[in-house]
N, C-alpha and C. Protein backbone atom coordinates (compact mmCIF):
# COMPACT_ATOMS: atom_id res chain seq x y z
N MET A 1 11.27 52.04 3.85
CA MET A 1 10.86 50.69 3.68
C MET A 1 9.57 50.65 2.88
N ASN A 2 9.52 49.75 1.91
CA ASN A 2 8.36 49.65 1.03
C ASN A 2 7.57 48.39 1.39
N TYR A 3 6.39 48.59 1.96
CA TYR A 3 5.56 47.45 2.41
C TYR A 3 4.76 46.83 1.26
N PHE A 4 4.63 47.49 0.16
CA PHE A 4 3.80 47.01 -0.93
C PHE A 4 4.57 46.21 -1.96
N LYS A 5 5.83 46.12 -1.82
CA LYS A 5 6.64 45.41 -2.78
C LYS A 5 6.96 44.04 -2.23
N ARG A 6 6.72 43.01 -3.07
CA ARG A 6 6.98 41.65 -2.64
C ARG A 6 8.44 41.32 -2.91
N GLY A 7 8.94 40.68 -1.96
CA GLY A 7 10.32 40.26 -2.13
C GLY A 7 10.38 38.75 -2.29
N VAL A 8 11.55 38.23 -2.45
CA VAL A 8 11.74 36.79 -2.61
C VAL A 8 11.38 36.14 -1.28
N GLY A 9 10.53 35.09 -1.36
CA GLY A 9 10.13 34.37 -0.16
C GLY A 9 8.94 34.99 0.55
N GLN A 10 8.46 36.12 0.08
CA GLN A 10 7.27 36.72 0.68
C GLN A 10 6.05 36.34 -0.14
N SER A 11 4.96 36.02 0.58
CA SER A 11 3.72 35.69 -0.13
C SER A 11 2.59 36.49 0.48
N GLY A 12 1.46 36.56 -0.27
CA GLY A 12 0.30 37.31 0.21
C GLY A 12 -0.53 37.78 -0.96
N PHE A 13 -1.62 38.43 -0.64
CA PHE A 13 -2.54 38.93 -1.66
C PHE A 13 -2.52 40.44 -1.64
N THR A 14 -2.69 40.99 -2.79
CA THR A 14 -2.84 42.44 -2.85
C THR A 14 -4.28 42.76 -2.48
N LEU A 15 -4.56 44.00 -2.22
CA LEU A 15 -5.91 44.44 -1.86
C LEU A 15 -6.87 44.15 -3.00
N THR A 16 -6.46 44.34 -4.22
CA THR A 16 -7.30 44.07 -5.39
C THR A 16 -7.65 42.59 -5.47
N GLU A 17 -6.68 41.74 -5.26
CA GLU A 17 -6.94 40.29 -5.29
C GLU A 17 -7.90 39.88 -4.17
N ALA A 18 -7.74 40.44 -3.01
CA ALA A 18 -8.62 40.10 -1.88
C ALA A 18 -10.05 40.56 -2.15
N VAL A 19 -10.22 41.75 -2.72
CA VAL A 19 -11.57 42.27 -3.03
C VAL A 19 -12.22 41.39 -4.10
N ILE A 20 -11.49 40.99 -5.12
CA ILE A 20 -12.04 40.12 -6.17
C ILE A 20 -12.43 38.76 -5.59
N ALA A 21 -11.60 38.20 -4.74
CA ALA A 21 -11.91 36.91 -4.11
C ALA A 21 -13.16 37.03 -3.23
N LEU A 22 -13.28 38.10 -2.47
CA LEU A 22 -14.45 38.31 -1.61
C LEU A 22 -15.71 38.49 -2.45
N ALA A 23 -15.61 39.24 -3.54
CA ALA A 23 -16.76 39.45 -4.42
C ALA A 23 -17.21 38.13 -5.04
N LEU A 24 -16.27 37.29 -5.47
CA LEU A 24 -16.63 35.98 -6.03
C LEU A 24 -17.29 35.09 -4.96
N PHE A 25 -16.77 35.13 -3.74
CA PHE A 25 -17.35 34.35 -2.66
C PHE A 25 -18.79 34.79 -2.37
N VAL A 26 -19.02 36.10 -2.30
CA VAL A 26 -20.37 36.62 -2.05
C VAL A 26 -21.31 36.24 -3.19
N LEU A 27 -20.86 36.36 -4.43
CA LEU A 27 -21.67 36.03 -5.60
C LEU A 27 -22.06 34.55 -5.60
N ILE A 28 -21.11 33.69 -5.34
CA ILE A 28 -21.39 32.25 -5.29
C ILE A 28 -22.33 31.93 -4.12
N SER A 29 -22.15 32.57 -2.98
CA SER A 29 -23.03 32.36 -1.82
C SER A 29 -24.46 32.78 -2.13
N VAL A 30 -24.63 33.92 -2.78
CA VAL A 30 -25.97 34.41 -3.13
C VAL A 30 -26.64 33.45 -4.10
N VAL A 31 -25.92 32.97 -5.10
CA VAL A 31 -26.49 32.02 -6.08
C VAL A 31 -26.90 30.72 -5.38
N LEU A 32 -26.03 30.20 -4.52
CA LEU A 32 -26.35 28.96 -3.80
C LEU A 32 -27.56 29.15 -2.88
N TYR A 33 -27.62 30.27 -2.17
CA TYR A 33 -28.76 30.53 -1.29
C TYR A 33 -30.05 30.66 -2.10
N SER A 34 -29.98 31.32 -3.25
CA SER A 34 -31.17 31.47 -4.10
C SER A 34 -31.68 30.11 -4.57
N ILE A 35 -30.76 29.25 -4.97
CA ILE A 35 -31.15 27.90 -5.39
C ILE A 35 -31.79 27.15 -4.22
N TYR A 36 -31.20 27.24 -3.05
CA TYR A 36 -31.73 26.58 -1.86
C TYR A 36 -33.13 27.12 -1.52
N ALA A 37 -33.31 28.45 -1.54
CA ALA A 37 -34.59 29.06 -1.21
C ALA A 37 -35.66 28.65 -2.23
N LEU A 38 -35.30 28.61 -3.50
CA LEU A 38 -36.24 28.19 -4.55
C LEU A 38 -36.65 26.74 -4.35
N HIS A 39 -35.70 25.90 -4.00
CA HIS A 39 -35.99 24.48 -3.74
C HIS A 39 -36.93 24.34 -2.54
N GLN A 40 -36.66 25.07 -1.47
CA GLN A 40 -37.52 25.01 -0.29
C GLN A 40 -38.93 25.46 -0.59
N LYS A 41 -39.06 26.53 -1.39
CA LYS A 41 -40.39 27.03 -1.75
C LYS A 41 -41.14 25.99 -2.58
N ALA A 42 -40.47 25.38 -3.52
CA ALA A 42 -41.10 24.35 -4.35
C ALA A 42 -41.51 23.15 -3.50
N TYR A 43 -40.68 22.77 -2.56
CA TYR A 43 -41.00 21.65 -1.67
C TYR A 43 -42.22 21.96 -0.81
N THR A 44 -42.25 23.15 -0.22
CA THR A 44 -43.36 23.56 0.63
C THR A 44 -44.65 23.63 -0.16
N THR A 45 -44.59 24.18 -1.36
CA THR A 45 -45.76 24.26 -2.22
C THR A 45 -46.26 22.88 -2.58
N GLY A 46 -45.37 22.00 -2.97
CA GLY A 46 -45.74 20.64 -3.33
C GLY A 46 -46.32 19.88 -2.14
N GLU A 47 -45.74 20.09 -0.98
CA GLU A 47 -46.22 19.42 0.23
C GLU A 47 -47.63 19.90 0.59
N ALA A 48 -47.88 21.20 0.50
CA ALA A 48 -49.22 21.74 0.80
C ALA A 48 -50.24 21.21 -0.20
N ARG A 49 -49.87 21.17 -1.46
CA ARG A 49 -50.79 20.68 -2.49
C ARG A 49 -51.09 19.19 -2.29
N ALA A 50 -50.08 18.42 -1.98
CA ALA A 50 -50.28 16.99 -1.74
C ALA A 50 -51.17 16.76 -0.52
N GLU A 51 -50.98 17.57 0.52
CA GLU A 51 -51.79 17.41 1.72
C GLU A 51 -53.26 17.71 1.46
N ILE A 52 -53.56 18.80 0.77
CA ILE A 52 -54.96 19.12 0.53
C ILE A 52 -55.58 18.16 -0.49
N LEU A 53 -54.79 17.69 -1.43
CA LEU A 53 -55.30 16.71 -2.40
C LEU A 53 -55.66 15.41 -1.69
N GLN A 54 -54.78 14.94 -0.81
CA GLN A 54 -55.06 13.72 -0.05
C GLN A 54 -56.26 13.92 0.86
N ASN A 55 -56.35 15.07 1.49
CA ASN A 55 -57.48 15.39 2.36
C ASN A 55 -58.79 15.35 1.58
N GLY A 56 -58.80 15.93 0.40
CA GLY A 56 -60.00 15.92 -0.45
C GLY A 56 -60.38 14.52 -0.88
N ARG A 57 -59.40 13.71 -1.21
CA ARG A 57 -59.69 12.32 -1.61
C ARG A 57 -60.29 11.52 -0.46
N VAL A 58 -59.79 11.74 0.75
CA VAL A 58 -60.34 11.04 1.92
C VAL A 58 -61.80 11.44 2.15
N ILE A 59 -62.08 12.73 2.06
CA ILE A 59 -63.45 13.22 2.24
C ILE A 59 -64.37 12.57 1.21
N LEU A 60 -64.00 12.67 -0.06
CA LEU A 60 -64.86 12.13 -1.12
C LEU A 60 -65.02 10.63 -1.03
N GLU A 61 -63.96 9.92 -0.69
CA GLU A 61 -64.04 8.46 -0.59
C GLU A 61 -65.01 8.05 0.51
N ARG A 62 -64.91 8.69 1.65
CA ARG A 62 -65.80 8.33 2.77
C ARG A 62 -67.25 8.67 2.45
N MET A 63 -67.48 9.87 1.92
CA MET A 63 -68.85 10.26 1.57
C MET A 63 -69.41 9.35 0.49
N THR A 64 -68.61 9.04 -0.51
CA THR A 64 -69.05 8.19 -1.61
C THR A 64 -69.45 6.81 -1.11
N ARG A 65 -68.62 6.21 -0.29
CA ARG A 65 -68.89 4.87 0.23
C ARG A 65 -70.21 4.83 0.99
N GLU A 66 -70.45 5.83 1.84
CA GLU A 66 -71.66 5.82 2.66
C GLU A 66 -72.91 6.22 1.88
N ILE A 67 -72.79 7.19 0.98
CA ILE A 67 -73.95 7.59 0.18
C ILE A 67 -74.35 6.47 -0.78
N ARG A 68 -73.38 5.75 -1.30
CA ARG A 68 -73.67 4.63 -2.20
C ARG A 68 -74.54 3.58 -1.52
N GLN A 69 -74.37 3.40 -0.21
CA GLN A 69 -75.15 2.41 0.55
C GLN A 69 -76.44 2.99 1.15
N ALA A 70 -76.67 4.28 0.99
CA ALA A 70 -77.83 4.94 1.62
C ALA A 70 -79.14 4.29 1.20
N LYS A 71 -80.05 4.18 2.15
CA LYS A 71 -81.38 3.65 1.85
C LYS A 71 -82.33 4.75 1.40
N ASN A 72 -82.09 5.97 1.91
CA ASN A 72 -82.99 7.07 1.64
C ASN A 72 -82.23 8.38 1.81
N ILE A 73 -82.36 9.29 0.88
CA ILE A 73 -81.76 10.62 1.01
C ILE A 73 -82.83 11.54 1.58
N VAL A 74 -82.55 12.12 2.75
CA VAL A 74 -83.51 12.99 3.42
C VAL A 74 -83.41 14.41 2.88
N THR A 75 -82.20 14.89 2.67
CA THR A 75 -81.98 16.25 2.19
C THR A 75 -82.56 16.40 0.79
N GLU A 76 -83.31 17.47 0.59
CA GLU A 76 -83.85 17.75 -0.74
C GLU A 76 -82.73 18.38 -1.57
N LEU A 77 -82.34 17.68 -2.62
CA LEU A 77 -81.22 18.12 -3.45
C LEU A 77 -81.72 18.78 -4.73
N SER A 78 -81.03 19.84 -5.11
CA SER A 78 -81.35 20.57 -6.34
C SER A 78 -80.94 19.74 -7.56
N ASP A 79 -81.57 20.01 -8.69
CA ASP A 79 -81.23 19.31 -9.92
C ASP A 79 -79.92 19.79 -10.53
N ASP A 80 -79.53 21.03 -10.22
CA ASP A 80 -78.29 21.56 -10.79
C ASP A 80 -77.43 22.24 -9.72
N GLU A 81 -76.22 22.56 -10.10
CA GLU A 81 -75.22 23.08 -9.16
C GLU A 81 -75.58 24.45 -8.61
N THR A 82 -76.38 25.22 -9.32
CA THR A 82 -76.73 26.56 -8.84
C THR A 82 -77.54 26.51 -7.55
N GLY A 83 -78.27 25.43 -7.32
CA GLY A 83 -79.05 25.29 -6.09
C GLY A 83 -78.44 24.30 -5.12
N ALA A 84 -77.14 24.03 -5.27
CA ALA A 84 -76.46 23.02 -4.44
C ALA A 84 -76.48 23.39 -2.97
N THR A 85 -76.39 22.38 -2.13
CA THR A 85 -76.36 22.55 -0.68
C THR A 85 -75.00 22.10 -0.15
N SER A 86 -74.67 22.52 1.07
CA SER A 86 -73.39 22.11 1.66
C SER A 86 -73.62 21.11 2.80
N THR A 87 -74.76 20.43 2.77
CA THR A 87 -75.07 19.44 3.78
C THR A 87 -75.89 18.32 3.15
N ILE A 88 -75.77 17.12 3.70
CA ILE A 88 -76.58 16.01 3.23
C ILE A 88 -76.89 15.09 4.41
N LEU A 89 -78.14 14.65 4.47
CA LEU A 89 -78.61 13.74 5.50
C LEU A 89 -79.24 12.55 4.79
N PHE A 90 -78.81 11.34 5.16
CA PHE A 90 -79.34 10.15 4.51
C PHE A 90 -79.37 8.98 5.49
N GLN A 91 -80.26 8.02 5.19
CA GLN A 91 -80.39 6.86 6.07
C GLN A 91 -79.21 5.92 5.86
N ASP A 92 -78.60 5.51 6.97
CA ASP A 92 -77.45 4.62 6.95
C ASP A 92 -77.85 3.26 6.40
N GLY A 93 -77.19 2.83 5.34
CA GLY A 93 -77.48 1.54 4.73
C GLY A 93 -76.54 0.44 5.17
N HIS A 94 -75.53 0.77 5.95
CA HIS A 94 -74.58 -0.24 6.41
C HIS A 94 -75.12 -1.04 7.59
N ASP A 95 -75.76 -0.36 8.53
CA ASP A 95 -76.27 -1.01 9.74
C ASP A 95 -77.78 -1.13 9.62
N ILE A 96 -78.27 -2.30 9.23
CA ILE A 96 -79.71 -2.48 9.04
C ILE A 96 -80.43 -2.89 10.32
N SER A 97 -79.69 -3.07 11.41
CA SER A 97 -80.31 -3.47 12.67
C SER A 97 -81.02 -2.31 13.36
N THR A 98 -80.71 -1.09 12.97
CA THR A 98 -81.32 0.09 13.57
C THR A 98 -81.50 1.17 12.51
N ILE A 99 -82.40 2.07 12.75
CA ILE A 99 -82.65 3.16 11.80
C ILE A 99 -81.88 4.39 12.28
N GLN A 100 -80.81 4.72 11.58
CA GLN A 100 -80.01 5.89 11.90
C GLN A 100 -79.69 6.65 10.61
N TYR A 101 -79.36 7.90 10.78
CA TYR A 101 -79.09 8.76 9.64
C TYR A 101 -77.69 9.36 9.78
N ILE A 102 -76.99 9.44 8.65
CA ILE A 102 -75.66 10.04 8.61
C ILE A 102 -75.81 11.46 8.07
N HIS A 103 -75.17 12.39 8.74
CA HIS A 103 -75.24 13.80 8.36
C HIS A 103 -73.84 14.33 8.10
N TYR A 104 -73.59 14.73 6.86
CA TYR A 104 -72.34 15.41 6.50
C TYR A 104 -72.66 16.88 6.33
N PHE A 105 -71.78 17.74 6.87
CA PHE A 105 -72.00 19.17 6.74
C PHE A 105 -70.68 19.92 6.84
N LYS A 106 -70.67 21.13 6.27
CA LYS A 106 -69.49 21.99 6.31
C LYS A 106 -69.65 22.96 7.46
N GLU A 107 -68.62 23.05 8.29
CA GLU A 107 -68.61 24.01 9.39
C GLU A 107 -67.25 24.69 9.38
N GLY A 108 -67.24 25.98 9.10
CA GLY A 108 -65.97 26.70 8.95
C GLY A 108 -65.23 26.15 7.74
N PHE A 109 -63.99 25.70 7.93
CA PHE A 109 -63.22 25.10 6.84
C PHE A 109 -63.11 23.58 7.02
N ASN A 110 -64.05 23.01 7.77
CA ASN A 110 -64.03 21.57 8.03
C ASN A 110 -65.30 20.90 7.50
N ILE A 111 -65.16 19.62 7.16
CA ILE A 111 -66.31 18.77 6.85
C ILE A 111 -66.49 17.88 8.07
N LYS A 112 -67.71 17.85 8.58
CA LYS A 112 -68.00 17.04 9.76
C LYS A 112 -69.03 15.97 9.42
N ARG A 113 -69.01 14.92 10.24
CA ARG A 113 -69.93 13.80 10.08
C ARG A 113 -70.49 13.45 11.46
N GLU A 114 -71.81 13.25 11.49
CA GLU A 114 -72.45 12.81 12.72
C GLU A 114 -73.56 11.83 12.37
N LYS A 115 -74.03 11.09 13.39
CA LYS A 115 -75.15 10.18 13.21
C LYS A 115 -76.31 10.67 14.06
N ILE A 116 -77.49 10.60 13.46
CA ILE A 116 -78.71 11.08 14.10
C ILE A 116 -79.75 9.97 14.05
N ALA A 117 -80.59 9.91 15.07
CA ALA A 117 -81.72 8.99 15.08
C ALA A 117 -82.96 9.75 15.56
N TYR A 118 -84.13 9.24 15.17
CA TYR A 118 -85.40 9.84 15.57
C TYR A 118 -86.17 8.82 16.39
N TYR A 119 -86.88 9.30 17.41
CA TYR A 119 -87.73 8.43 18.21
C TYR A 119 -88.94 9.23 18.69
N PHE A 120 -89.94 8.51 19.17
CA PHE A 120 -91.13 9.17 19.72
C PHE A 120 -90.93 9.36 21.22
N SER A 121 -91.48 10.43 21.73
CA SER A 121 -91.27 10.78 23.14
C SER A 121 -91.74 9.68 24.10
N GLY A 122 -92.63 8.80 23.69
CA GLY A 122 -93.09 7.72 24.56
C GLY A 122 -92.14 6.54 24.64
N ASP A 123 -91.19 6.43 23.68
CA ASP A 123 -90.27 5.28 23.65
C ASP A 123 -88.95 5.72 23.05
N SER A 124 -87.98 6.03 23.90
CA SER A 124 -86.69 6.53 23.42
C SER A 124 -85.75 5.42 22.98
N THR A 125 -86.15 4.17 23.10
CA THR A 125 -85.28 3.05 22.73
C THR A 125 -85.55 2.54 21.32
N THR A 126 -86.66 2.94 20.73
CA THR A 126 -87.02 2.49 19.39
C THR A 126 -86.88 3.65 18.41
N TYR A 127 -85.98 3.49 17.47
CA TYR A 127 -85.77 4.53 16.47
C TYR A 127 -86.75 4.36 15.31
N VAL A 128 -87.18 5.48 14.76
CA VAL A 128 -88.16 5.48 13.67
C VAL A 128 -87.59 6.25 12.48
N VAL A 129 -88.24 6.13 11.33
CA VAL A 129 -87.79 6.85 10.14
C VAL A 129 -88.05 8.34 10.33
N TRP A 130 -87.31 9.15 9.63
CA TRP A 130 -87.32 10.60 9.82
C TRP A 130 -88.69 11.23 9.57
N ASN A 131 -89.50 10.64 8.69
CA ASN A 131 -90.78 11.25 8.34
C ASN A 131 -91.97 10.54 8.98
N ALA A 132 -91.71 9.72 10.02
CA ALA A 132 -92.79 9.01 10.71
C ALA A 132 -93.64 9.99 11.52
N ASN A 133 -94.93 9.72 11.56
CA ASN A 133 -95.85 10.55 12.34
C ASN A 133 -96.00 9.95 13.74
N PRO A 134 -95.79 10.77 14.78
CA PRO A 134 -95.88 10.25 16.14
C PRO A 134 -97.33 9.94 16.55
N PRO A 135 -97.48 9.00 17.46
CA PRO A 135 -98.82 8.72 17.97
C PRO A 135 -99.41 9.94 18.69
N GLN A 136 -100.70 9.93 18.88
CA GLN A 136 -101.40 11.03 19.55
C GLN A 136 -100.77 11.31 20.92
N GLY A 137 -100.44 12.56 21.20
CA GLY A 137 -99.90 12.97 22.48
C GLY A 137 -98.39 12.84 22.59
N GLN A 138 -97.74 12.36 21.55
CA GLN A 138 -96.28 12.23 21.57
C GLN A 138 -95.68 13.12 20.49
N GLU A 139 -94.41 13.33 20.58
CA GLU A 139 -93.72 14.10 19.54
C GLU A 139 -92.48 13.33 19.07
N LYS A 140 -92.08 13.64 17.85
CA LYS A 140 -90.87 13.02 17.30
C LYS A 140 -89.66 13.83 17.76
N ILE A 141 -88.63 13.14 18.24
CA ILE A 141 -87.45 13.80 18.77
C ILE A 141 -86.22 13.29 18.01
N ALA A 142 -85.34 14.21 17.67
CA ALA A 142 -84.07 13.85 17.03
C ALA A 142 -82.99 13.81 18.10
N THR A 143 -82.13 12.80 18.02
CA THR A 143 -81.03 12.68 18.96
C THR A 143 -79.75 12.36 18.21
N THR A 144 -78.65 12.83 18.71
CA THR A 144 -77.35 12.53 18.11
C THR A 144 -76.84 11.24 18.72
N THR A 145 -76.64 10.23 17.88
CA THR A 145 -76.14 8.94 18.37
C THR A 145 -74.63 8.82 18.24
N GLU A 146 -74.05 9.63 17.39
CA GLU A 146 -72.60 9.69 17.23
C GLU A 146 -72.23 11.15 17.02
N ALA A 147 -71.48 11.71 17.94
CA ALA A 147 -71.15 13.14 17.92
C ALA A 147 -70.42 13.52 16.63
N ALA A 148 -70.59 14.78 16.25
CA ALA A 148 -69.95 15.29 15.03
C ALA A 148 -68.43 15.23 15.17
N GLN A 149 -67.80 14.68 14.15
CA GLN A 149 -66.34 14.59 14.10
C GLN A 149 -65.84 15.17 12.79
N ILE A 150 -64.69 15.78 12.83
CA ILE A 150 -64.08 16.33 11.62
C ILE A 150 -63.53 15.17 10.79
N ILE A 151 -63.93 15.13 9.51
CA ILE A 151 -63.37 14.11 8.61
C ILE A 151 -62.48 14.74 7.54
N GLY A 152 -62.47 16.07 7.45
CA GLY A 152 -61.63 16.74 6.47
C GLY A 152 -61.46 18.21 6.80
N GLU A 153 -60.30 18.75 6.41
CA GLU A 153 -59.97 20.14 6.70
C GLU A 153 -59.68 20.90 5.40
N TYR A 154 -59.51 22.20 5.53
CA TYR A 154 -59.12 23.12 4.45
C TYR A 154 -60.20 23.23 3.36
N VAL A 155 -61.45 22.98 3.70
CA VAL A 155 -62.53 22.99 2.71
C VAL A 155 -63.11 24.40 2.60
N ALA A 156 -62.92 25.01 1.44
CA ALA A 156 -63.47 26.35 1.20
C ALA A 156 -64.94 26.26 0.80
N SER A 157 -65.30 25.22 0.03
CA SER A 157 -66.70 25.05 -0.34
C SER A 157 -67.02 23.58 -0.57
N LEU A 158 -68.26 23.23 -0.27
CA LEU A 158 -68.81 21.90 -0.49
C LEU A 158 -70.15 22.08 -1.16
N ASN A 159 -70.34 21.46 -2.32
CA ASN A 159 -71.59 21.56 -3.05
C ASN A 159 -72.10 20.17 -3.37
N ILE A 160 -73.37 19.92 -3.03
CA ILE A 160 -74.00 18.63 -3.28
C ILE A 160 -75.31 18.90 -4.02
N TRP A 161 -75.52 18.19 -5.12
CA TRP A 161 -76.75 18.36 -5.88
C TRP A 161 -77.02 17.10 -6.71
N GLY A 162 -78.26 17.01 -7.20
CA GLY A 162 -78.66 15.95 -8.12
C GLY A 162 -79.22 14.72 -7.43
N LEU A 163 -80.17 14.07 -8.10
CA LEU A 163 -80.74 12.81 -7.61
C LEU A 163 -81.41 12.14 -8.80
N PRO A 164 -81.22 10.92 -9.10
CA PRO A 164 -80.56 9.89 -8.32
C PRO A 164 -79.04 9.90 -8.45
N LEU A 165 -78.50 10.57 -9.48
CA LEU A 165 -77.04 10.69 -9.60
C LEU A 165 -76.62 11.91 -8.77
N ILE A 166 -75.97 11.64 -7.65
CA ILE A 166 -75.59 12.71 -6.72
C ILE A 166 -74.20 13.22 -7.09
N ASN A 167 -74.09 14.53 -7.23
CA ASN A 167 -72.82 15.20 -7.57
C ASN A 167 -72.26 15.87 -6.32
N ILE A 168 -70.97 15.71 -6.11
CA ILE A 168 -70.30 16.40 -5.01
C ILE A 168 -69.09 17.13 -5.57
N SER A 169 -68.99 18.40 -5.22
CA SER A 169 -67.86 19.23 -5.63
C SER A 169 -67.25 19.84 -4.37
N ILE A 170 -65.93 19.68 -4.23
CA ILE A 170 -65.21 20.22 -3.06
C ILE A 170 -64.09 21.12 -3.55
N ASN A 171 -63.98 22.29 -2.94
CA ASN A 171 -62.89 23.23 -3.21
C ASN A 171 -62.07 23.32 -1.93
N LEU A 172 -60.79 22.98 -2.01
CA LEU A 172 -59.90 23.01 -0.85
C LEU A 172 -58.81 24.04 -1.06
N GLU A 173 -58.42 24.73 0.03
CA GLU A 173 -57.38 25.75 -0.03
C GLU A 173 -56.45 25.64 1.17
N LYS A 174 -55.14 25.72 0.90
CA LYS A 174 -54.15 25.78 1.99
C LYS A 174 -52.85 26.36 1.43
N GLY A 175 -52.30 27.30 2.13
CA GLY A 175 -51.01 27.87 1.76
C GLY A 175 -50.97 28.40 0.34
N GLY A 176 -52.04 29.01 -0.10
CA GLY A 176 -52.10 29.55 -1.45
C GLY A 176 -52.38 28.52 -2.53
N GLN A 177 -52.46 27.26 -2.15
CA GLN A 177 -52.76 26.19 -3.10
C GLN A 177 -54.26 25.93 -3.11
N ILE A 178 -54.84 25.74 -4.28
CA ILE A 178 -56.26 25.49 -4.45
C ILE A 178 -56.44 24.21 -5.24
N VAL A 179 -57.32 23.34 -4.74
CA VAL A 179 -57.62 22.08 -5.41
C VAL A 179 -59.14 21.95 -5.51
N ASP A 180 -59.63 21.64 -6.70
CA ASP A 180 -61.04 21.37 -6.92
C ASP A 180 -61.21 19.90 -7.25
N LEU A 181 -62.10 19.23 -6.53
CA LEU A 181 -62.38 17.82 -6.77
C LEU A 181 -63.88 17.62 -6.96
N LYS A 182 -64.24 16.71 -7.86
CA LYS A 182 -65.65 16.41 -8.11
C LYS A 182 -65.83 14.91 -8.25
N THR A 183 -67.02 14.46 -7.89
CA THR A 183 -67.36 13.06 -8.08
C THR A 183 -68.87 12.94 -8.28
N LYS A 184 -69.27 11.80 -8.80
CA LYS A 184 -70.69 11.49 -8.99
C LYS A 184 -70.95 10.13 -8.36
N ILE A 185 -72.09 10.04 -7.67
CA ILE A 185 -72.42 8.82 -6.95
C ILE A 185 -73.82 8.37 -7.34
N LEU A 186 -73.94 7.10 -7.65
CA LEU A 186 -75.24 6.50 -7.91
C LEU A 186 -75.51 5.53 -6.76
N GLY A 187 -76.51 5.86 -5.95
CA GLY A 187 -76.83 5.02 -4.81
C GLY A 187 -77.34 3.65 -5.23
N ARG A 188 -76.89 2.63 -4.57
CA ARG A 188 -77.30 1.26 -4.90
C ARG A 188 -78.71 0.96 -4.41
N ASN A 189 -79.12 1.61 -3.32
CA ASN A 189 -80.40 1.29 -2.69
C ASN A 189 -81.45 2.36 -2.87
N LEU A 190 -81.18 3.37 -3.66
CA LEU A 190 -82.14 4.47 -3.83
C LEU A 190 -83.17 4.15 -4.88
């Protein structure tokens, strides 16, 4: 009996046909998976870049809005980027009913914001300007009126320099994506 010979009414595939069909199936599967993997990588990369870009814009927008209203910049700022600092302290210009200072600073890969006030040891209810001299026998004390909160993440570097035109440069990194953002601020009340 010959099992390899097809007769009338018999159907099936030869071993060669089955191997060719399997090879084509594997080839098409590999191509489709490669396209899918490439698409996923592009999506993840784009998503990470969009997230850090949005994060950087939020940081700069908030800092810009508050620095623009500042009454006084306390931090001594360098004239050029080589002497830039990663912190800035300035008098809050939004709330004129009290004397408070806004402090932005980089801690780890985060940008934080807090509010600080100064008072004399004899009267903790009256806030004074940062460079006020205390009366005889008292000392000037700094207190945090609003605890430090994270306003931005993924910050590799923060550089602030220049006065009266204040320059801010932020470098953000996440998932191999790097974004550099810069802005210039001219204070209205300085």
